[in-house]
Amino acid sequence: MDSISLGLVIASTYNVVLHTFDMIASSCLIHMPLSSHSVPLATHTHIAIGRVNGNHFVQIFLYHHYPVPTIII
């Protein structure tokens, strides 16, 4: 999986905001779905994954008030 090209596909398929962290390239990307229905702010779903050791991805559990602004989708 390449997080840059497939992040948009994952976000659109599952209607989630996807945060990808890359330890190798020192980057952080936010992928949003291309189209979605209106969802209340309290029920937004965010998923965070990180790439470690080449092409291995792990799920990252972020703290409740992590320093990424809320995105209205």
PDB file of N, CA and C in Angstrom:
ATOM      1  N   MET A   1       0.843  -1.179   0.000  1.00  0.00           N
ATOM      2  CA  MET A   1       0.000   0.000   0.000  1.00  0.00           C
ATOM      3  C   MET A   1       0.885   1.238   0.000  1.00  0.00           C
ATOM      4  N   ASP A   2       0.524   2.177  -0.801  1.00  0.00           N
ATOM      5  CA  ASP A   2       1.192   3.467  -0.812  1.00  0.00           C
ATOM      6  C   ASP A   2       0.209   4.482  -0.235  1.00  0.00           C
ATOM      7  N   SER A   3       0.553   5.067   0.905  1.00  0.00           N
ATOM      8  CA  SER A   3      -0.397   5.930   1.606  1.00  0.00           C
ATOM      9  C   SER A   3      -0.761   7.166   0.811  1.00  0.00           C
ATOM     10  N   ILE A   4       0.094   7.627  -0.064  1.00  0.00           N
ATOM     11  CA  ILE A   4      -0.205   8.827  -0.834  1.00  0.00           C
ATOM     12  C   ILE A   4      -1.275   8.541  -1.881  1.00  0.00           C
ATOM     13  N   SER A   5      -1.141   7.470  -2.629  1.00  0.00           N
ATOM     14  CA  SER A   5      -2.103   7.202  -3.698  1.00  0.00           C
ATOM     15  C   SER A   5      -3.356   6.489  -3.195  1.00  0.00           C
ATOM     16  N   LEU A   6      -3.244   5.643  -2.187  1.00  0.00           N
ATOM     17  CA  LEU A   6      -4.406   4.904  -1.714  1.00  0.00           C
ATOM     18  C   LEU A   6      -5.108   5.548  -0.527  1.00  0.00           C
ATOM     19  N   GLY A   7      -4.533   6.567   0.068  1.00  0.00           N
ATOM     20  CA  GLY A   7      -5.181   7.240   1.187  1.00  0.00           C
ATOM     21  C   GLY A   7      -6.517   7.838   0.797  1.00  0.00           C
ATOM     22  N   LEU A   8      -6.596   8.435  -0.379  1.00  0.00           N
ATOM     23  CA  LEU A   8      -7.839   9.010  -0.870  1.00  0.00           C
ATOM     24  C   LEU A   8      -8.876   7.923  -1.127  1.00  0.00           C
ATOM     25  N   VAL A   9      -8.450   6.794  -1.650  1.00  0.00           N
ATOM     26  CA  VAL A   9      -9.361   5.676  -1.906  1.00  0.00           C
ATOM     27  C   VAL A   9      -9.923   5.134  -0.588  1.00  0.00           C
ATOM     28  N   ILE A  10      -9.080   4.971   0.421  1.00  0.00           N
ATOM     29  CA  ILE A  10      -9.523   4.472   1.725  1.00  0.00           C
ATOM     30  C   ILE A  10     -10.493   5.458   2.364  1.00  0.00           C
ATOM     31  N   ALA A  11     -10.162   6.742   2.350  1.00  0.00           N
ATOM     32  CA  ALA A  11     -11.035   7.756   2.950  1.00  0.00           C
ATOM     33  C   ALA A  11     -12.389   7.807   2.256  1.00  0.00           C
ATOM     34  N   SER A  12     -12.420   7.717   0.944  1.00  0.00           N
ATOM     35  CA  SER A  12     -13.676   7.776   0.201  1.00  0.00           C
ATOM     36  C   SER A  12     -14.498   6.501   0.364  1.00  0.00           C
ATOM     37  N   THR A  13     -13.845   5.360   0.389  1.00  0.00           N
ATOM     38  CA  THR A  13     -14.559   4.095   0.512  1.00  0.00           C
ATOM     39  C   THR A  13     -15.245   3.960   1.863  1.00  0.00           C
ATOM     40  N   TYR A  14     -14.527   4.296   2.930  1.00  0.00           N
ATOM     41  CA  TYR A  14     -15.058   4.114   4.280  1.00  0.00           C
ATOM     42  C   TYR A  14     -15.650   5.392   4.869  1.00  0.00           C
ATOM     43  N   ASN A  15     -15.652   6.493   4.101  1.00  0.00           N
ATOM     44  CA  ASN A  15     -16.194   7.775   4.533  1.00  0.00           C
ATOM     45  C   ASN A  15     -15.600   8.210   5.872  1.00  0.00           C
ATOM     46  N   VAL A  16     -14.281   8.227   5.948  1.00  0.00           N
ATOM     47  CA  VAL A  16     -13.559   8.609   7.159  1.00  0.00           C
ATOM     48  C   VAL A  16     -12.499   9.648   6.809  1.00  0.00           C
ATOM     49  N   VAL A  17     -12.003  10.317   7.827  1.00  0.00           N
ATOM     50  CA  VAL A  17     -10.830  11.170   7.673  1.00  0.00           C
ATOM     51  C   VAL A  17      -9.633  10.307   8.047  1.00  0.00           C
ATOM     52  N   LEU A  18      -8.686  10.156   7.139  1.00  0.00           N
ATOM     53  CA  LEU A  18      -7.535   9.280   7.340  1.00  0.00           C
ATOM     54  C   LEU A  18      -6.285  10.117   7.551  1.00  0.00           C
ATOM     55  N   HIS A  19      -5.624   9.913   8.672  1.00  0.00           N
ATOM     56  CA  HIS A  19      -4.351  10.563   8.966  1.00  0.00           C
ATOM     57  C   HIS A  19      -3.257   9.525   8.727  1.00  0.00           C
ATOM     58  N   THR A  20      -2.270   9.860   7.896  1.00  0.00           N
ATOM     59  CA  THR A  20      -1.157   8.947   7.669  1.00  0.00           C
ATOM     60  C   THR A  20       0.134   9.620   8.117  1.00  0.00           C
ATOM     61  N   PHE A  21       0.895   8.898   8.887  1.00  0.00           N
ATOM     62  CA  PHE A  21       2.186   9.368   9.395  1.00  0.00           C
ATOM     63  C   PHE A  21       3.260   8.473   8.808  1.00  0.00           C
ATOM     64  N   ASP A  22       4.288   9.085   8.244  1.00  0.00           N
ATOM     65  CA  ASP A  22       5.367   8.333   7.605  1.00  0.00           C
ATOM     66  C   ASP A  22       6.664   8.617   8.345  1.00  0.00           C
ATOM     67  N   MET A  23       7.172   7.616   9.044  1.00  0.00           N
ATOM     68  CA  MET A  23       8.411   7.775   9.808  1.00  0.00           C
ATOM     69  C   MET A  23       9.615   7.924   8.881  1.00  0.00           C
ATOM     70  N   ILE A  24       9.569   7.323   7.699  1.00  0.00           N
ATOM     71  CA  ILE A  24      10.714   7.334   6.795  1.00  0.00           C
ATOM     72  C   ILE A  24      10.844   8.685   6.089  1.00  0.00           C
ATOM     73  N   ALA A  25       9.733   9.199   5.563  1.00  0.00           N
ATOM     74  CA  ALA A  25       9.771  10.469   4.832  1.00  0.00           C
ATOM     75  C   ALA A  25       9.479  11.663   5.731  1.00  0.00           C
ATOM     76  N   SER A  26       9.256  11.430   7.005  1.00  0.00           N
ATOM     77  CA  SER A  26       8.941  12.490   7.977  1.00  0.00           C
ATOM     78  C   SER A  26       7.787  13.359   7.492  1.00  0.00           C
ATOM     79  N   SER A  27       6.677  12.707   7.170  1.00  0.00           N
ATOM     80  CA  SER A  27       5.528  13.449   6.668  1.00  0.00           C
ATOM     81  C   SER A  27       4.248  13.025   7.374  1.00  0.00           C
ATOM     82  N   CYS A  28       3.267  13.888   7.303  1.00  0.00           N
ATOM     83  CA  CYS A  28       1.941  13.635   7.849  1.00  0.00           C
ATOM     84  C   CYS A  28       0.933  14.128   6.822  1.00  0.00           C
ATOM     85  N   LEU A  29       0.027  13.269   6.422  1.00  0.00           N
ATOM     86  CA  LEU A  29      -0.974  13.640   5.425  1.00  0.00           C
ATOM     87  C   LEU A  29      -2.366  13.406   5.988  1.00  0.00           C
ATOM     88  N   ILE A  30      -3.307  14.235   5.580  1.00  0.00           N
ATOM     89  CA  ILE A  30      -4.703  14.062   5.940  1.00  0.00           C
ATOM     90  C   ILE A  30      -5.477  13.834   4.650  1.00  0.00           C
ATOM     91  N   HIS A  31      -6.157  12.693   4.577  1.00  0.00           N
ATOM     92  CA  HIS A  31      -6.960  12.357   3.402  1.00  0.00           C
ATOM     93  C   HIS A  31      -8.427  12.455   3.784  1.00  0.00           C
ATOM     94  N   MET A  32      -9.210  13.151   2.963  1.00  0.00           N
ATOM     95  CA  MET A  32     -10.636  13.293   3.211  1.00  0.00           C
ATOM     96  C   MET A  32     -11.404  12.649   2.064  1.00  0.00           C
ATOM     97  N   PRO A  33     -12.602  12.160   2.340  1.00  0.00           N
ATOM     98  CA  PRO A  33     -13.389  11.534   1.269  1.00  0.00           C
ATOM     99  C   PRO A  33     -13.753  12.552   0.183  1.00  0.00           C
ATOM    100  N   LEU A  34     -13.854  12.073  -1.044  1.00  0.00           N
ATOM    101  CA  LEU A  34     -14.211  12.963  -2.150  1.00  0.00           C
ATOM    102  C   LEU A  34     -15.633  13.472  -2.011  1.00  0.00           C
ATOM    103  N   SER A  35     -16.532  12.604  -1.623  1.00  0.00           N
ATOM    104  CA  SER A  35     -17.918  13.024  -1.404  1.00  0.00           C
ATOM    105  C   SER A  35     -18.468  12.231  -0.233  1.00  0.00           C
ATOM    106  N   SER A  36     -19.286  12.875   0.556  1.00  0.00           N
ATOM    107  CA  SER A  36     -19.864  12.197   1.708  1.00  0.00           C
ATOM    108  C   SER A  36     -21.166  12.879   2.075  1.00  0.00           C
ATOM    109  N   HIS A  37     -21.952  12.187   2.855  1.00  0.00           N
ATOM    110  CA  HIS A  37     -23.163  12.798   3.366  1.00  0.00           C
ATOM    111  C   HIS A  37     -22.820  13.565   4.642  1.00  0.00           C
ATOM    112  N   SER A  38     -23.653  14.493   4.995  1.00  0.00           N
ATOM    113  CA  SER A  38     -23.400  15.308   6.173  1.00  0.00           C
ATOM    114  C   SER A  38     -23.499  14.458   7.437  1.00  0.00           C
ATOM    115  N   VAL A  39     -22.475  14.539   8.270  1.00  0.00           N
ATOM    116  CA  VAL A  39     -22.398  13.758   9.500  1.00  0.00           C
ATOM    117  C   VAL A  39     -22.219  14.720  10.659  1.00  0.00           C
ATOM    118  N   PRO A  40     -22.953  14.522  11.774  1.00  0.00           N
ATOM    119  CA  PRO A  40     -22.738  15.397  12.929  1.00  0.00           C
ATOM    120  C   PRO A  40     -21.292  15.332  13.416  1.00  0.00           C
ATOM    121  N   LEU A  41     -20.797  16.446  13.927  1.00  0.00           N
ATOM    122  CA  LEU A  41     -19.403  16.549  14.359  1.00  0.00           C
ATOM    123  C   LEU A  41     -19.034  15.489  15.393  1.00  0.00           C
ATOM    124  N   ALA A  42     -19.961  15.149  16.283  1.00  0.00           N
ATOM    125  CA  ALA A  42     -19.669  14.175  17.342  1.00  0.00           C
ATOM    126  C   ALA A  42     -19.466  12.762  16.805  1.00  0.00           C
ATOM    127  N   THR A  43     -19.957  12.480  15.604  1.00  0.00           N
ATOM    128  CA  THR A  43     -19.852  11.125  15.064  1.00  0.00           C
ATOM    129  C   THR A  43     -18.832  11.001  13.937  1.00  0.00           C
ATOM    130  N   HIS A  44     -17.987  12.010  13.756  1.00  0.00           N
ATOM    131  CA  HIS A  44     -16.936  11.896  12.733  1.00  0.00           C
ATOM    132  C   HIS A  44     -16.005  10.741  13.078  1.00  0.00           C
ATOM    133  N   THR A  45     -15.591  10.021  12.076  1.00  0.00           N
ATOM    134  CA  THR A  45     -14.668   8.915  12.270  1.00  0.00           C
ATOM    135  C   THR A  45     -13.306   9.292  11.713  1.00  0.00           C
ATOM    136  N   HIS A  46     -12.298   9.196  12.558  1.00  0.00           N
ATOM    137  CA  HIS A  46     -10.919   9.470  12.159  1.00  0.00           C
ATOM    138  C   HIS A  46     -10.121   8.190  12.363  1.00  0.00           C
ATOM    139  N   ILE A  47      -9.287   7.882  11.400  1.00  0.00           N
ATOM    140  CA  ILE A  47      -8.395   6.730  11.498  1.00  0.00           C
ATOM    141  C   ILE A  47      -6.981   7.248  11.283  1.00  0.00           C
ATOM    142  N   ALA A  48      -6.055   6.797  12.098  1.00  0.00           N
ATOM    143  CA  ALA A  48      -4.652   7.195  11.953  1.00  0.00           C
ATOM    144  C   ALA A  48      -3.812   5.943  11.749  1.00  0.00           C
ATOM    145  N   ILE A  49      -2.962   5.973  10.733  1.00  0.00           N
ATOM    146  CA  ILE A  49      -2.035   4.872  10.487  1.00  0.00           C
ATOM    147  C   ILE A  49      -0.637   5.452  10.318  1.00  0.00           C
ATOM    148  N   GLY A  50       0.350   4.643  10.627  1.00  0.00           N
ATOM    149  CA  GLY A  50       1.732   5.066  10.473  1.00  0.00           C
ATOM    150  C   GLY A  50       2.540   4.023   9.733  1.00  0.00           C
ATOM    151  N   ARG A  51       3.454   4.479   8.895  1.00  0.00           N
ATOM    152  CA  ARG A  51       4.328   3.558   8.149  1.00  0.00           C
ATOM    153  C   ARG A  51       5.646   3.447   8.888  1.00  0.00           C
ATOM    154  N   VAL A  52       6.017   2.236   9.212  1.00  0.00           N
ATOM    155  CA  VAL A  52       7.275   1.967   9.908  1.00  0.00           C
ATOM    156  C   VAL A  52       8.020   0.849   9.191  1.00  0.00           C
ATOM    157  N   ASN A  53       9.321   0.871   9.261  1.00  0.00           N
ATOM    158  CA  ASN A  53      10.170  -0.195   8.705  1.00  0.00           C
ATOM    159  C   ASN A  53       9.803  -0.572   7.273  1.00  0.00           C
ATOM    160  N   GLY A  54       9.885   0.359   6.379  1.00  0.00           N
ATOM    161  CA  GLY A  54       9.618   0.061   4.972  1.00  0.00           C
ATOM    162  C   GLY A  54       8.155   0.213   4.626  1.00  0.00           C
ATOM    163  N   ASN A  55       7.487  -0.902   4.333  1.00  0.00           N
ATOM    164  CA  ASN A  55       6.091  -0.851   3.914  1.00  0.00           C
ATOM    165  C   ASN A  55       5.149  -1.481   4.923  1.00  0.00           C
ATOM    166  N   HIS A  56       5.462  -1.426   6.188  1.00  0.00           N
ATOM    167  CA  HIS A  56       4.584  -1.959   7.227  1.00  0.00           C
ATOM    168  C   HIS A  56       3.778  -0.811   7.817  1.00  0.00           C
ATOM    169  N   PHE A  57       2.463  -1.003   7.907  1.00  0.00           N
ATOM    170  CA  PHE A  57       1.580   0.010   8.454  1.00  0.00           C
ATOM    171  C   PHE A  57       0.978  -0.484   9.754  1.00  0.00           C
ATOM    172  N   VAL A  58       0.879   0.408  10.723  1.00  0.00           N
ATOM    173  CA  VAL A  58       0.269   0.090  12.013  1.00  0.00           C
ATOM    174  C   VAL A  58      -0.762   1.165  12.323  1.00  0.00           C
ATOM    175  N   GLN A  59      -1.795   0.765  13.072  1.00  0.00           N
ATOM    176  CA  GLN A  59      -2.784   1.744  13.490  1.00  0.00           C
ATOM    177  C   GLN A  59      -2.243   2.532  14.665  1.00  0.00           C
ATOM    178  N   ILE A  60      -2.471   3.831  14.641  1.00  0.00           N
ATOM    179  CA  ILE A  60      -2.025   4.718  15.704  1.00  0.00           C
ATOM    180  C   ILE A  60      -3.268   5.231  16.427  1.00  0.00           C
ATOM    181  N   PHE A  61      -3.250   5.145  17.738  1.00  0.00           N
ATOM    182  CA  PHE A  61      -4.358   5.651  18.536  1.00  0.00           C
ATOM    183  C   PHE A  61      -3.953   7.014  19.086  1.00  0.00           C
ATOM    184  N   LEU A  62      -4.654   8.053  18.647  1.00  0.00           N
ATOM    185  CA  LEU A  62      -4.326   9.415  19.037  1.00  0.00           C
ATOM    186  C   LEU A  62      -5.077   9.795  20.306  1.00  0.00           C
ATOM    187  N   TYR A  63      -4.498  10.686  21.078  1.00  0.00           N
ATOM    188  CA  TYR A  63      -5.163  11.207  22.265  1.00  0.00           C
ATOM    189  C   TYR A  63      -6.404  11.993  21.849  1.00  0.00           C
ATOM    190  N   HIS A  64      -7.295  12.209  22.802  1.00  0.00           N
ATOM    191  CA  HIS A  64      -8.573  12.870  22.509  1.00  0.00           C
ATOM    192  C   HIS A  64      -8.376  14.255  21.895  1.00  0.00           C
ATOM    193  N   HIS A  65      -7.469  15.040  22.392  1.00  0.00           N
ATOM    194  CA  HIS A  65      -7.250  16.399  21.877  1.00  0.00           C
ATOM    195  C   HIS A  65      -5.921  16.489  21.127  1.00  0.00           C
ATOM    196  N   TYR A  66      -5.731  15.637  20.145  1.00  0.00           N
ATOM    197  CA  TYR A  66      -4.496  15.683  19.381  1.00  0.00           C
ATOM    198  C   TYR A  66      -4.446  16.975  18.564  1.00  0.00           C
ATOM    199  N   PRO A  67      -3.256  17.497  18.267  1.00  0.00           N
ATOM    200  CA  PRO A  67      -3.129  18.835  17.679  1.00  0.00           C
ATOM    201  C   PRO A  67      -3.366  18.904  16.169  1.00  0.00           C
ATOM    202  N   VAL A  68      -4.478  18.347  15.711  1.00  0.00           N
ATOM    203  CA  VAL A  68      -4.868  18.466  14.316  1.00  0.00           C
ATOM    204  C   VAL A  68      -6.237  19.124  14.314  1.00  0.00           C
ATOM    205  N   PRO A  69      -6.443  20.185  13.544  1.00  0.00           N
ATOM    206  CA  PRO A  69      -7.732  20.883  13.569  1.00  0.00           C
ATOM    207  C   PRO A  69      -8.870  19.998  13.090  1.00  0.00           C
ATOM    208  N   THR A  70     -10.074  20.262  13.601  1.00  0.00           N
ATOM    209  CA  THR A  70     -11.260  19.533  13.187  1.00  0.00           C
ATOM    210  C   THR A  70     -11.595  19.921  11.751  1.00  0.00           C
ATOM    211  N   ILE A  71     -11.906  18.915  10.954  1.00  0.00           N
ATOM    212  CA  ILE A  71     -12.227  19.130   9.548  1.00  0.00           C
ATOM    213  C   ILE A  71     -13.702  18.836   9.361  1.00  0.00           C
ATOM    214  N   ILE A  72     -14.431  19.766   8.828  1.00  0.00           N
ATOM    215  CA  ILE A  72     -15.856  19.598   8.593  1.00  0.00           C
ATOM    216  C   ILE A  72     -16.042  18.937   7.227  1.00  0.00           C
ATOM    217  N   ILE A  73     -16.608  17.718   7.250  1.00  0.00           N
ATOM    218  CA  ILE A  73     -16.871  17.018   5.975  1.00  0.00           C
ATOM    219  C   ILE A  73     -18.343  16.851   5.765  1.00  0.00           C
TER     220      ILE A  73
END
